[in-house]
Amino acid sequence: MEDRIELLQGTLDLLILRTLQLGPVHGHGIAKAIQRSSEDVLLVEEGSLYPALHRLIKRGWVTYEDGASENNRRAKFYRLTPTGRKQVLVETTKWEKLTRAIARVLRPA
């Protein structure tokens, strides 16, 4: 637990968008995919996940359809819109620029 890192604002949006590139997923599946991909370093709580999903829906980057989960429970399956697919590249570019800038500050020449 002590190895977990809190996400910077906006980072969760990018992680959700990136996760949804693989196809439609319900909310719990998104959280688990991020946790698995980060080797259990990133834990996405429901209190952060669902507001982020609503924000992405409002921006038109994500939409959803009702369906049934693996254990036959009602669930919303989130997927990228065409605009969201383009936005993944935009957000990834912004993230890479930010990380390069932080690295320059942490390791000055």
PDB file of N, CA and C in Angstrom:
ATOM      1  N   MET A   1       0.814  -1.201   0.000  1.00  0.00           N
ATOM      2  CA  MET A   1       0.000   0.000   0.000  1.00  0.00           C
ATOM      3  C   MET A   1       0.855   1.261   0.000  1.00  0.00           C
ATOM      4  N   GLU A   2       1.991   1.252   0.704  1.00  0.00           N
ATOM      5  CA  GLU A   2       2.808   2.458   0.785  1.00  0.00           C
ATOM      6  C   GLU A   2       3.486   2.794  -0.540  1.00  0.00           C
ATOM      7  N   ASP A   3       3.507   1.847  -1.480  1.00  0.00           N
ATOM      8  CA  ASP A   3       4.094   2.096  -2.793  1.00  0.00           C
ATOM      9  C   ASP A   3       3.123   2.767  -3.754  1.00  0.00           C
ATOM     10  N   ARG A   4       1.880   2.904  -3.360  1.00  0.00           N
ATOM     11  CA  ARG A   4       0.881   3.509  -4.239  1.00  0.00           C
ATOM     12  C   ARG A   4       1.124   5.007  -4.336  1.00  0.00           C
ATOM     13  N   ILE A   5       0.805   5.551  -5.504  1.00  0.00           N
ATOM     14  CA  ILE A   5       1.055   6.956  -5.790  1.00  0.00           C
ATOM     15  C   ILE A   5      -0.259   7.635  -6.148  1.00  0.00           C
ATOM     16  N   GLU A   6      -0.507   8.800  -5.568  1.00  0.00           N
ATOM     17  CA  GLU A   6      -1.706   9.559  -5.919  1.00  0.00           C
ATOM     18  C   GLU A   6      -1.520  10.151  -7.310  1.00  0.00           C
ATOM     19  N   LEU A   7      -2.596  10.157  -8.082  1.00  0.00           N
ATOM     20  CA  LEU A   7      -2.528  10.652  -9.451  1.00  0.00           C
ATOM     21  C   LEU A   7      -2.651  12.159  -9.509  1.00  0.00           C
ATOM     22  N   LEU A   8      -1.891  12.770 -10.409  1.00  0.00           N
ATOM     23  CA  LEU A   8      -2.038  14.194 -10.669  1.00  0.00           C
ATOM     24  C   LEU A   8      -3.372  14.436 -11.349  1.00  0.00           C
ATOM     25  N   GLN A   9      -3.945  15.595 -11.112  1.00  0.00           N
ATOM     26  CA  GLN A   9      -5.204  15.929 -11.760  1.00  0.00           C
ATOM     27  C   GLN A   9      -5.047  15.813 -13.275  1.00  0.00           C
ATOM     28  N   GLY A  10      -5.993  15.198 -13.929  1.00  0.00           N
ATOM     29  CA  GLY A  10      -5.940  15.004 -15.371  1.00  0.00           C
ATOM     30  C   GLY A  10      -5.293  13.697 -15.778  1.00  0.00           C
ATOM     31  N   THR A  11      -4.473  13.132 -14.924  1.00  0.00           N
ATOM     32  CA  THR A  11      -3.806  11.878 -15.233  1.00  0.00           C
ATOM     33  C   THR A  11      -4.807  10.737 -15.330  1.00  0.00           C
ATOM     34  N   LEU A  12      -5.778  10.726 -14.437  1.00  0.00           N
ATOM     35  CA  LEU A  12      -6.780   9.667 -14.460  1.00  0.00           C
ATOM     36  C   LEU A  12      -7.548   9.685 -15.772  1.00  0.00           C
ATOM     37  N   ASP A  13      -7.865  10.865 -16.276  1.00  0.00           N
ATOM     38  CA  ASP A  13      -8.567  10.959 -17.556  1.00  0.00           C
ATOM     39  C   ASP A  13      -7.775  10.253 -18.647  1.00  0.00           C
ATOM     40  N   LEU A  14      -6.478  10.513 -18.710  1.00  0.00           N
ATOM     41  CA  LEU A  14      -5.629   9.885 -19.713  1.00  0.00           C
ATOM     42  C   LEU A  14      -5.592   8.372 -19.524  1.00  0.00           C
ATOM     43  N   LEU A  15      -5.481   7.907 -18.303  1.00  0.00           N
ATOM     44  CA  LEU A  15      -5.434   6.470 -18.046  1.00  0.00           C
ATOM     45  C   LEU A  15      -6.735   5.781 -18.450  1.00  0.00           C
ATOM     46  N   ILE A  16      -7.851   6.441 -18.196  1.00  0.00           N
ATOM     47  CA  ILE A  16      -9.150   5.887 -18.602  1.00  0.00           C
ATOM     48  C   ILE A  16      -9.234   5.839 -20.122  1.00  0.00           C
ATOM     49  N   LEU A  17      -8.889   6.930 -20.779  1.00  0.00           N
ATOM     50  CA  LEU A  17      -8.926   6.964 -22.241  1.00  0.00           C
ATOM     51  C   LEU A  17      -8.049   5.864 -22.832  1.00  0.00           C
ATOM     52  N   ARG A  18      -6.861   5.730 -22.293  1.00  0.00           N
ATOM     53  CA  ARG A  18      -5.921   4.707 -22.782  1.00  0.00           C
ATOM     54  C   ARG A  18      -6.485   3.302 -22.563  1.00  0.00           C
ATOM     55  N   THR A  19      -7.088   3.069 -21.429  1.00  0.00           N
ATOM     56  CA  THR A  19      -7.685   1.768 -21.130  1.00  0.00           C
ATOM     57  C   THR A  19      -8.821   1.456 -22.098  1.00  0.00           C
ATOM     58  N   LEU A  20      -9.612   2.464 -22.416  1.00  0.00           N
ATOM     59  CA  LEU A  20     -10.752   2.255 -23.308  1.00  0.00           C
ATOM     60  C   LEU A  20     -10.341   2.080 -24.772  1.00  0.00           C
ATOM     61  N   GLN A  21      -9.084   2.348 -25.096  1.00  0.00           N
ATOM     62  CA  GLN A  21      -8.611   2.083 -26.459  1.00  0.00           C
ATOM     63  C   GLN A  21      -8.712   0.595 -26.785  1.00  0.00           C
ATOM     64  N   LEU A  22      -8.668  -0.232 -25.770  1.00  0.00           N
ATOM     65  CA  LEU A  22      -8.706  -1.682 -25.971  1.00  0.00           C
ATOM     66  C   LEU A  22     -10.110  -2.199 -26.220  1.00  0.00           C
ATOM     67  N   GLY A  23     -11.124  -1.365 -25.969  1.00  0.00           N
ATOM     68  CA  GLY A  23     -12.506  -1.765 -26.185  1.00  0.00           C
ATOM     69  C   GLY A  23     -13.382  -1.387 -25.011  1.00  0.00           C
ATOM     70  N   PRO A  24     -14.697  -1.597 -25.150  1.00  0.00           N
ATOM     71  CA  PRO A  24     -15.642  -1.233 -24.087  1.00  0.00           C
ATOM     72  C   PRO A  24     -15.376  -2.008 -22.787  1.00  0.00           C
ATOM     73  N   VAL A  25     -15.481  -1.289 -21.676  1.00  0.00           N
ATOM     74  CA  VAL A  25     -15.230  -1.883 -20.357  1.00  0.00           C
ATOM     75  C   VAL A  25     -16.159  -1.222 -19.350  1.00  0.00           C
ATOM     76  N   HIS A  26     -16.609  -1.997 -18.367  1.00  0.00           N
ATOM     77  CA  HIS A  26     -17.405  -1.406 -17.292  1.00  0.00           C
ATOM     78  C   HIS A  26     -16.472  -0.747 -16.282  1.00  0.00           C
ATOM     79  N   GLY A  27     -17.033   0.076 -15.424  1.00  0.00           N
ATOM     80  CA  GLY A  27     -16.242   0.877 -14.492  1.00  0.00           C
ATOM     81  C   GLY A  27     -15.263   0.080 -13.653  1.00  0.00           C
ATOM     82  N   HIS A  28     -15.742  -0.993 -13.048  1.00  0.00           N
ATOM     83  CA  HIS A  28     -14.862  -1.819 -12.207  1.00  0.00           C
ATOM     84  C   HIS A  28     -13.718  -2.397 -13.048  1.00  0.00           C
ATOM     85  N   GLY A  29     -14.028  -2.766 -14.286  1.00  0.00           N
ATOM     86  CA  GLY A  29     -13.001  -3.301 -15.179  1.00  0.00           C
ATOM     87  C   GLY A  29     -11.942  -2.270 -15.523  1.00  0.00           C
ATOM     88  N   ILE A  30     -12.359  -1.012 -15.674  1.00  0.00           N
ATOM     89  CA  ILE A  30     -11.399   0.064 -15.941  1.00  0.00           C
ATOM     90  C   ILE A  30     -10.434   0.197 -14.767  1.00  0.00           C
ATOM     91  N   ALA A  31     -10.996   0.251 -13.561  1.00  0.00           N
ATOM     92  CA  ALA A  31     -10.165   0.392 -12.357  1.00  0.00           C
ATOM     93  C   ALA A  31      -9.184  -0.770 -12.228  1.00  0.00           C
ATOM     94  N   LYS A  32      -9.668  -1.987 -12.466  1.00  0.00           N
ATOM     95  CA  LYS A  32      -8.808  -3.170 -12.348  1.00  0.00           C
ATOM     96  C   LYS A  32      -7.730  -3.181 -13.434  1.00  0.00           C
ATOM     97  N   ALA A  33      -8.082  -2.765 -14.648  1.00  0.00           N
ATOM     98  CA  ALA A  33      -7.099  -2.732 -15.736  1.00  0.00           C
ATOM     99  C   ALA A  33      -5.970  -1.753 -15.431  1.00  0.00           C
ATOM    100  N   ILE A  34      -6.319  -0.595 -14.884  1.00  0.00           N
ATOM    101  CA  ILE A  34      -5.298   0.394 -14.521  1.00  0.00           C
ATOM    102  C   ILE A  34      -4.418  -0.159 -13.405  1.00  0.00           C
ATOM    103  N   GLN A  35      -5.033  -0.783 -12.428  1.00  0.00           N
ATOM    104  CA  GLN A  35      -4.275  -1.366 -11.317  1.00  0.00           C
ATOM    105  C   GLN A  35      -3.328  -2.454 -11.827  1.00  0.00           C
ATOM    106  N   ARG A  36      -3.826  -3.345 -12.680  1.00  0.00           N
ATOM    107  CA  ARG A  36      -3.012  -4.429 -13.238  1.00  0.00           C
ATOM    108  C   ARG A  36      -1.871  -3.880 -14.082  1.00  0.00           C
ATOM    109  N   SER A  37      -2.185  -2.936 -14.967  1.00  0.00           N
ATOM    110  CA  SER A  37      -1.167  -2.370 -15.867  1.00  0.00           C
ATOM    111  C   SER A  37      -0.063  -1.654 -15.106  1.00  0.00           C
ATOM    112  N   SER A  38      -0.424  -1.077 -13.967  1.00  0.00           N
ATOM    113  CA  SER A  38       0.569  -0.338 -13.172  1.00  0.00           C
ATOM    114  C   SER A  38       1.267  -1.235 -12.157  1.00  0.00           C
ATOM    115  N   GLU A  39       1.044  -2.543 -12.259  1.00  0.00           N
ATOM    116  CA  GLU A  39       1.617  -3.510 -11.316  1.00  0.00           C
ATOM    117  C   GLU A  39       1.241  -3.159  -9.884  1.00  0.00           C
ATOM    118  N   ASP A  40      -0.032  -2.835  -9.692  1.00  0.00           N
ATOM    119  CA  ASP A  40      -0.632  -2.546  -8.384  1.00  0.00           C
ATOM    120  C   ASP A  40      -0.129  -1.267  -7.717  1.00  0.00           C
ATOM    121  N   VAL A  41       0.510  -0.384  -8.477  1.00  0.00           N
ATOM    122  CA  VAL A  41       0.951   0.887  -7.906  1.00  0.00           C
ATOM    123  C   VAL A  41      -0.209   1.884  -7.894  1.00  0.00           C
ATOM    124  N   LEU A  42      -1.027   1.876  -8.947  1.00  0.00           N
ATOM    125  CA  LEU A  42      -2.136   2.820  -9.045  1.00  0.00           C
ATOM    126  C   LEU A  42      -3.440   2.135  -8.674  1.00  0.00           C
ATOM    127  N   LEU A  43      -4.109   2.681  -7.686  1.00  0.00           N
ATOM    128  CA  LEU A  43      -5.398   2.174  -7.248  1.00  0.00           C
ATOM    129  C   LEU A  43      -6.420   3.268  -7.492  1.00  0.00           C
ATOM    130  N   VAL A  44      -7.404   2.993  -8.338  1.00  0.00           N
ATOM    131  CA  VAL A  44      -8.420   3.985  -8.681  1.00  0.00           C
ATOM    132  C   VAL A  44      -9.668   3.697  -7.859  1.00  0.00           C
ATOM    133  N   GLU A  45     -10.004   4.625  -6.996  1.00  0.00           N
ATOM    134  CA  GLU A  45     -11.181   4.489  -6.145  1.00  0.00           C
ATOM    135  C   GLU A  45     -12.431   4.909  -6.908  1.00  0.00           C
ATOM    136  N   GLU A  46     -13.579   4.348  -6.538  1.00  0.00           N
ATOM    137  CA  GLU A  46     -14.850   4.704  -7.174  1.00  0.00           C
ATOM    138  C   GLU A  46     -15.110   6.203  -7.096  1.00  0.00           C
ATOM    139  N   GLY A  47     -14.734   6.822  -5.972  1.00  0.00           N
ATOM    140  CA  GLY A  47     -14.962   8.251  -5.775  1.00  0.00           C
ATOM    141  C   GLY A  47     -14.177   9.125  -6.739  1.00  0.00           C
ATOM    142  N   SER A  48     -13.165   8.567  -7.366  1.00  0.00           N
ATOM    143  CA  SER A  48     -12.395   9.282  -8.388  1.00  0.00           C
ATOM    144  C   SER A  48     -12.794   8.831  -9.787  1.00  0.00           C
ATOM    145  N   LEU A  49     -13.043   7.532  -9.936  1.00  0.00           N
ATOM    146  CA  LEU A  49     -13.322   6.962 -11.250  1.00  0.00           C
ATOM    147  C   LEU A  49     -14.590   7.513 -11.870  1.00  0.00           C
ATOM    148  N   TYR A  50     -15.693   7.455 -11.146  1.00  0.00           N
ATOM    149  CA  TYR A  50     -16.971   7.833 -11.748  1.00  0.00           C
ATOM    150  C   TYR A  50     -17.091   9.330 -12.053  1.00  0.00           C
ATOM    151  N   PRO A  51     -16.583  10.209 -11.200  1.00  0.00           N
ATOM    152  CA  PRO A  51     -16.570  11.622 -11.609  1.00  0.00           C
ATOM    153  C   PRO A  51     -15.722  11.853 -12.871  1.00  0.00           C
ATOM    154  N   ALA A  52     -14.610  11.122 -13.000  1.00  0.00           N
ATOM    155  CA  ALA A  52     -13.768  11.253 -14.191  1.00  0.00           C
ATOM    156  C   ALA A  52     -14.522  10.752 -15.420  1.00  0.00           C
ATOM    157  N   LEU A  53     -15.216   9.627 -15.302  1.00  0.00           N
ATOM    158  CA  LEU A  53     -15.994   9.111 -16.426  1.00  0.00           C
ATOM    159  C   LEU A  53     -17.083  10.103 -16.837  1.00  0.00           C
ATOM    160  N   HIS A  54     -17.756  10.694 -15.854  1.00  0.00           N
ATOM    161  CA  HIS A  54     -18.793  11.688 -16.158  1.00  0.00           C
ATOM    162  C   HIS A  54     -18.196  12.905 -16.869  1.00  0.00           C
ATOM    163  N   ARG A  55     -17.001  13.307 -16.440  1.00  0.00           N
ATOM    164  CA  ARG A  55     -16.308  14.433 -17.069  1.00  0.00           C
ATOM    165  C   ARG A  55     -15.983  14.100 -18.538  1.00  0.00           C
ATOM    166  N   LEU A  56     -15.524  12.877 -18.775  1.00  0.00           N
ATOM    167  CA  LEU A  56     -15.168  12.459 -20.124  1.00  0.00           C
ATOM    168  C   LEU A  56     -16.403  12.328 -21.018  1.00  0.00           C
ATOM    169  N   ILE A  57     -17.508  11.898 -20.438  1.00  0.00           N
ATOM    170  CA  ILE A  57     -18.771  11.821 -21.181  1.00  0.00           C
ATOM    171  C   ILE A  57     -19.223  13.231 -21.560  1.00  0.00           C
ATOM    172  N   LYS A  58     -19.141  14.144 -20.592  1.00  0.00           N
ATOM    173  CA  LYS A  58     -19.553  15.530 -20.828  1.00  0.00           C
ATOM    174  C   LYS A  58     -18.721  16.173 -21.942  1.00  0.00           C
ATOM    175  N   ARG A  59     -17.447  15.814 -22.020  1.00  0.00           N
ATOM    176  CA  ARG A  59     -16.571  16.360 -23.067  1.00  0.00           C
ATOM    177  C   ARG A  59     -16.810  15.689 -24.423  1.00  0.00           C
ATOM    178  N   GLY A  60     -17.573  14.613 -24.427  1.00  0.00           N
ATOM    179  CA  GLY A  60     -17.856  13.908 -25.672  1.00  0.00           C
ATOM    180  C   GLY A  60     -16.784  12.919 -26.076  1.00  0.00           C
ATOM    181  N   TRP A  61     -15.895  12.559 -25.163  1.00  0.00           N
ATOM    182  CA  TRP A  61     -14.794  11.647 -25.461  1.00  0.00           C
ATOM    183  C   TRP A  61     -15.162  10.196 -25.176  1.00  0.00           C
ATOM    184  N   VAL A  62     -16.145  10.011 -24.309  1.00  0.00           N
ATOM    185  CA  VAL A  62     -16.565   8.666 -23.890  1.00  0.00           C
ATOM    186  C   VAL A  62     -18.079   8.610 -23.942  1.00  0.00           C
ATOM    187  N   THR A  63     -18.593   7.445 -24.270  1.00  0.00           N
ATOM    188  CA  THR A  63     -20.027   7.184 -24.187  1.00  0.00           C
ATOM    189  C   THR A  63     -20.198   5.826 -23.510  1.00  0.00           C
ATOM    190  N   TYR A  64     -21.428   5.413 -23.300  1.00  0.00           N
ATOM    191  CA  TYR A  64     -21.639   4.116 -22.653  1.00  0.00           C
ATOM    192  C   TYR A  64     -22.922   3.473 -23.146  1.00  0.00           C
ATOM    193  N   GLU A  65     -22.974   2.177 -22.916  1.00  0.00           N
ATOM    194  CA  GLU A  65     -24.172   1.390 -23.190  1.00  0.00           C
ATOM    195  C   GLU A  65     -24.423   0.512 -21.977  1.00  0.00           C
ATOM    196  N   ASP A  66     -25.692   0.277 -21.680  1.00  0.00           N
ATOM    197  CA  ASP A  66     -26.039  -0.631 -20.595  1.00  0.00           C
ATOM    198  C   ASP A  66     -25.828  -2.069 -21.054  1.00  0.00           C
ATOM    199  N   GLY A  67     -25.400  -2.898 -20.130  1.00  0.00           N
ATOM    200  CA  GLY A  67     -25.173  -4.311 -20.439  1.00  0.00           C
ATOM    201  C   GLY A  67     -25.083  -5.109 -19.166  1.00  0.00           C
ATOM    202  N   ALA A  68     -24.589  -6.312 -19.276  1.00  0.00           N
ATOM    203  CA  ALA A  68     -24.429  -7.203 -18.123  1.00  0.00           C
ATOM    204  C   ALA A  68     -22.949  -7.544 -17.966  1.00  0.00           C
ATOM    205  N   SER A  69     -22.482  -7.508 -16.727  1.00  0.00           N
ATOM    206  CA  SER A  69     -21.089  -7.829 -16.429  1.00  0.00           C
ATOM    207  C   SER A  69     -20.876  -9.342 -16.475  1.00  0.00           C
ATOM    208  N   GLU A  70     -19.642  -9.773 -16.227  1.00  0.00           N
ATOM    209  CA  GLU A  70     -19.294 -11.196 -16.240  1.00  0.00           C
ATOM    210  C   GLU A  70     -20.144 -12.005 -15.267  1.00  0.00           C
ATOM    211  N   ASN A  71     -20.487 -11.393 -14.138  1.00  0.00           N
ATOM    212  CA  ASN A  71     -21.300 -12.104 -13.142  1.00  0.00           C
ATOM    213  C   ASN A  71     -22.782 -11.746 -13.274  1.00  0.00           C
ATOM    214  N   ASN A  72     -23.160 -11.321 -14.492  1.00  0.00           N
ATOM    215  CA  ASN A  72     -24.557 -11.072 -14.868  1.00  0.00           C
ATOM    216  C   ASN A  72     -25.225  -9.933 -14.098  1.00  0.00           C
ATOM    217  N   ARG A  73     -24.453  -8.974 -13.653  1.00  0.00           N
ATOM    218  CA  ARG A  73     -25.003  -7.776 -13.006  1.00  0.00           C
ATOM    219  C   ARG A  73     -25.143  -6.674 -14.046  1.00  0.00           C
ATOM    220  N   ARG A  74     -26.119  -5.808 -13.819  1.00  0.00           N
ATOM    221  CA  ARG A  74     -26.269  -4.654 -14.701  1.00  0.00           C
ATOM    222  C   ARG A  74     -25.037  -3.770 -14.587  1.00  0.00           C
ATOM    223  N   ALA A  75     -24.570  -3.290 -15.722  1.00  0.00           N
ATOM    224  CA  ALA A  75     -23.377  -2.443 -15.723  1.00  0.00           C
ATOM    225  C   ALA A  75     -23.413  -1.532 -16.943  1.00  0.00           C
ATOM    226  N   LYS A  76     -22.721  -0.417 -16.823  1.00  0.00           N
ATOM    227  CA  LYS A  76     -22.519   0.476 -17.961  1.00  0.00           C
ATOM    228  C   LYS A  76     -21.166   0.128 -18.567  1.00  0.00           C
ATOM    229  N   PHE A  77     -21.159  -0.079 -19.864  1.00  0.00           N
ATOM    230  CA  PHE A  77     -19.929  -0.354 -20.568  1.00  0.00           C
ATOM    231  C   PHE A  77     -19.512   0.912 -21.300  1.00  0.00           C
ATOM    232  N   TYR A  78     -18.372   1.446 -20.893  1.00  0.00           N
ATOM    233  CA  TYR A  78     -17.863   2.707 -21.426  1.00  0.00           C
ATOM    234  C   TYR A  78     -16.993   2.423 -22.641  1.00  0.00           C
ATOM    235  N   ARG A  79     -17.059   3.312 -23.621  1.00  0.00           N
ATOM    236  CA  ARG A  79     -16.221   3.184 -24.812  1.00  0.00           C
ATOM    237  C   ARG A  79     -15.864   4.570 -25.321  1.00  0.00           C
ATOM    238  N   LEU A  80     -14.772   4.615 -26.074  1.00  0.00           N
ATOM    239  CA  LEU A  80     -14.331   5.872 -26.667  1.00  0.00           C
ATOM    240  C   LEU A  80     -15.239   6.259 -27.826  1.00  0.00           C
ATOM    241  N   THR A  81     -15.466   7.543 -27.972  1.00  0.00           N
ATOM    242  CA  THR A  81     -16.123   8.076 -29.163  1.00  0.00           C
ATOM    243  C   THR A  81     -15.016   8.330 -30.192  1.00  0.00           C
ATOM    244  N   PRO A  82     -15.372   8.605 -31.436  1.00  0.00           N
ATOM    245  CA  PRO A  82     -14.324   8.976 -32.409  1.00  0.00           C
ATOM    246  C   PRO A  82     -13.495  10.174 -31.928  1.00  0.00           C
ATOM    247  N   THR A  83     -14.144  11.150 -31.314  1.00  0.00           N
ATOM    248  CA  THR A  83     -13.421  12.306 -30.766  1.00  0.00           C
ATOM    249  C   THR A  83     -12.494  11.860 -29.639  1.00  0.00           C
ATOM    250  N   GLY A  84     -12.955  10.925 -28.819  1.00  0.00           N
ATOM    251  CA  GLY A  84     -12.138  10.398 -27.724  1.00  0.00           C
ATOM    252  C   GLY A  84     -10.907   9.676 -28.227  1.00  0.00           C
ATOM    253  N   ARG A  85     -11.055   8.961 -29.342  1.00  0.00           N
ATOM    254  CA  ARG A  85      -9.894   8.264 -29.932  1.00  0.00           C
ATOM    255  C   ARG A  85      -8.817   9.267 -30.336  1.00  0.00           C
ATOM    256  N   LYS A  86      -9.226  10.384 -30.903  1.00  0.00           N
ATOM    257  CA  LYS A  86      -8.274  11.434 -31.278  1.00  0.00           C
ATOM    258  C   LYS A  86      -7.674  12.075 -30.026  1.00  0.00           C
ATOM    259  N   GLN A  87      -8.491  12.234 -28.995  1.00  0.00           N
ATOM    260  CA  GLN A  87      -8.057  12.901 -27.778  1.00  0.00           C
ATOM    261  C   GLN A  87      -6.994  12.102 -27.030  1.00  0.00           C
ATOM    262  N   VAL A  88      -7.000  10.781 -27.179  1.00  0.00           N
ATOM    263  CA  VAL A  88      -5.963   9.956 -26.535  1.00  0.00           C
ATOM    264  C   VAL A  88      -4.590  10.435 -26.984  1.00  0.00           C
ATOM    265  N   LEU A  89      -4.435  10.683 -28.268  1.00  0.00           N
ATOM    266  CA  LEU A  89      -3.150  11.150 -28.789  1.00  0.00           C
ATOM    267  C   LEU A  89      -2.803  12.533 -28.242  1.00  0.00           C
ATOM    268  N   VAL A  90      -3.787  13.432 -28.212  1.00  0.00           N
ATOM    269  CA  VAL A  90      -3.571  14.785 -27.691  1.00  0.00           C
ATOM    270  C   VAL A  90      -3.133  14.729 -26.228  1.00  0.00           C
ATOM    271  N   GLU A  91      -3.854  13.957 -25.429  1.00  0.00           N
ATOM    272  CA  GLU A  91      -3.557  13.877 -23.997  1.00  0.00           C
ATOM    273  C   GLU A  91      -2.223  13.182 -23.748  1.00  0.00           C
ATOM    274  N   THR A  92      -1.910  12.170 -24.549  1.00  0.00           N
ATOM    275  CA  THR A  92      -0.626  11.482 -24.406  1.00  0.00           C
ATOM    276  C   THR A  92       0.524  12.431 -24.723  1.00  0.00           C
ATOM    277  N   THR A  93       0.367  13.229 -25.749  1.00  0.00           N
ATOM    278  CA  THR A  93       1.396  14.207 -26.110  1.00  0.00           C
ATOM    279  C   THR A  93       1.595  15.222 -24.986  1.00  0.00           C
ATOM    280  N   LYS A  94       0.491  15.710 -24.415  1.00  0.00           N
ATOM    281  CA  LYS A  94       0.591  16.651 -23.286  1.00  0.00           C
ATOM    282  C   LYS A  94       1.320  16.006 -22.112  1.00  0.00           C
ATOM    283  N   TRP A  95       0.974  14.743 -21.821  1.00  0.00           N
ATOM    284  CA  TRP A  95       1.594  14.038 -20.692  1.00  0.00           C
ATOM    285  C   TRP A  95       3.095  13.872 -20.924  1.00  0.00           C
ATOM    286  N   GLU A  96       3.481  13.492 -22.127  1.00  0.00           N
ATOM    287  CA  GLU A  96       4.894  13.311 -22.427  1.00  0.00           C
ATOM    288  C   GLU A  96       5.651  14.626 -22.308  1.00  0.00           C
ATOM    289  N   LYS A  97       5.050  15.720 -22.743  1.00  0.00           N
ATOM    290  CA  LYS A  97       5.682  17.043 -22.619  1.00  0.00           C
ATOM    291  C   LYS A  97       5.854  17.400 -21.142  1.00  0.00           C
ATOM    292  N   LEU A  98       4.823  17.137 -20.337  1.00  0.00           N
ATOM    293  CA  LEU A  98       4.891  17.415 -18.900  1.00  0.00           C
ATOM    294  C   LEU A  98       5.982  16.592 -18.234  1.00  0.00           C
ATOM    295  N   THR A  99       6.055  15.305 -18.536  1.00  0.00           N
ATOM    296  CA  THR A  99       7.057  14.459 -17.877  1.00  0.00           C
ATOM    297  C   THR A  99       8.477  14.843 -18.279  1.00  0.00           C
ATOM    298  N   ARG A 100       8.650  15.267 -19.546  1.00  0.00           N
ATOM    299  CA  ARG A 100       9.991  15.726 -19.960  1.00  0.00           C
ATOM    300  C   ARG A 100      10.378  16.990 -19.193  1.00  0.00           C
ATOM    301  N   ALA A 101       9.406  17.908 -19.012  1.00  0.00           N
ATOM    302  CA  ALA A 101       9.686  19.155 -18.281  1.00  0.00           C
ATOM    303  C   ALA A 101      10.030  18.863 -16.826  1.00  0.00           C
ATOM    304  N   ILE A 102       9.287  17.966 -16.192  1.00  0.00           N
ATOM    305  CA  ILE A 102       9.573  17.608 -14.800  1.00  0.00           C
ATOM    306  C   ILE A 102      10.936  16.954 -14.701  1.00  0.00           C
ATOM    307  N   ALA A 103      11.267  16.069 -15.637  1.00  0.00           N
ATOM    308  CA  ALA A 103      12.578  15.417 -15.624  1.00  0.00           C
ATOM    309  C   ALA A 103      13.705  16.444 -15.733  1.00  0.00           C
ATOM    310  N   ARG A 104      13.499  17.494 -16.539  1.00  0.00           N
ATOM    311  CA  ARG A 104      14.534  18.541 -16.661  1.00  0.00           C
ATOM    312  C   ARG A 104      14.719  19.280 -15.338  1.00  0.00           C
ATOM    313  N   VAL A 105      13.639  19.477 -14.609  1.00  0.00           N
ATOM    314  CA  VAL A 105      13.747  20.160 -13.316  1.00  0.00           C
ATOM    315  C   VAL A 105      14.434  19.246 -12.297  1.00  0.00           C
ATOM    316  N   LEU A 106      14.090  17.968 -12.309  1.00  0.00           N
ATOM    317  CA  LEU A 106      14.672  17.026 -11.351  1.00  0.00           C
ATOM    318  C   LEU A 106      16.135  16.705 -11.639  1.00  0.00           C
ATOM    319  N   ARG A 107      16.490  16.744 -12.922  1.00  0.00           N
ATOM    320  CA  ARG A 107      17.865  16.420 -13.326  1.00  0.00           C
ATOM    321  C   ARG A 107      18.424  17.536 -14.185  1.00  0.00           C
ATOM    322  N   PRO A 108      18.725  18.693 -13.589  1.00  0.00           N
ATOM    323  CA  PRO A 108      19.249  19.806 -14.401  1.00  0.00           C
ATOM    324  C   PRO A 108      20.588  19.446 -15.037  1.00  0.00           C
ATOM    325  N   ALA A 109      20.826  20.036 -16.184  1.00  0.00           N
ATOM    326  CA  ALA A 109      22.077  19.741 -16.934  1.00  0.00           C
ATOM    327  C   ALA A 109      23.286  20.263 -16.204  1.00  0.00           C
TER     328      ALA A 109
END
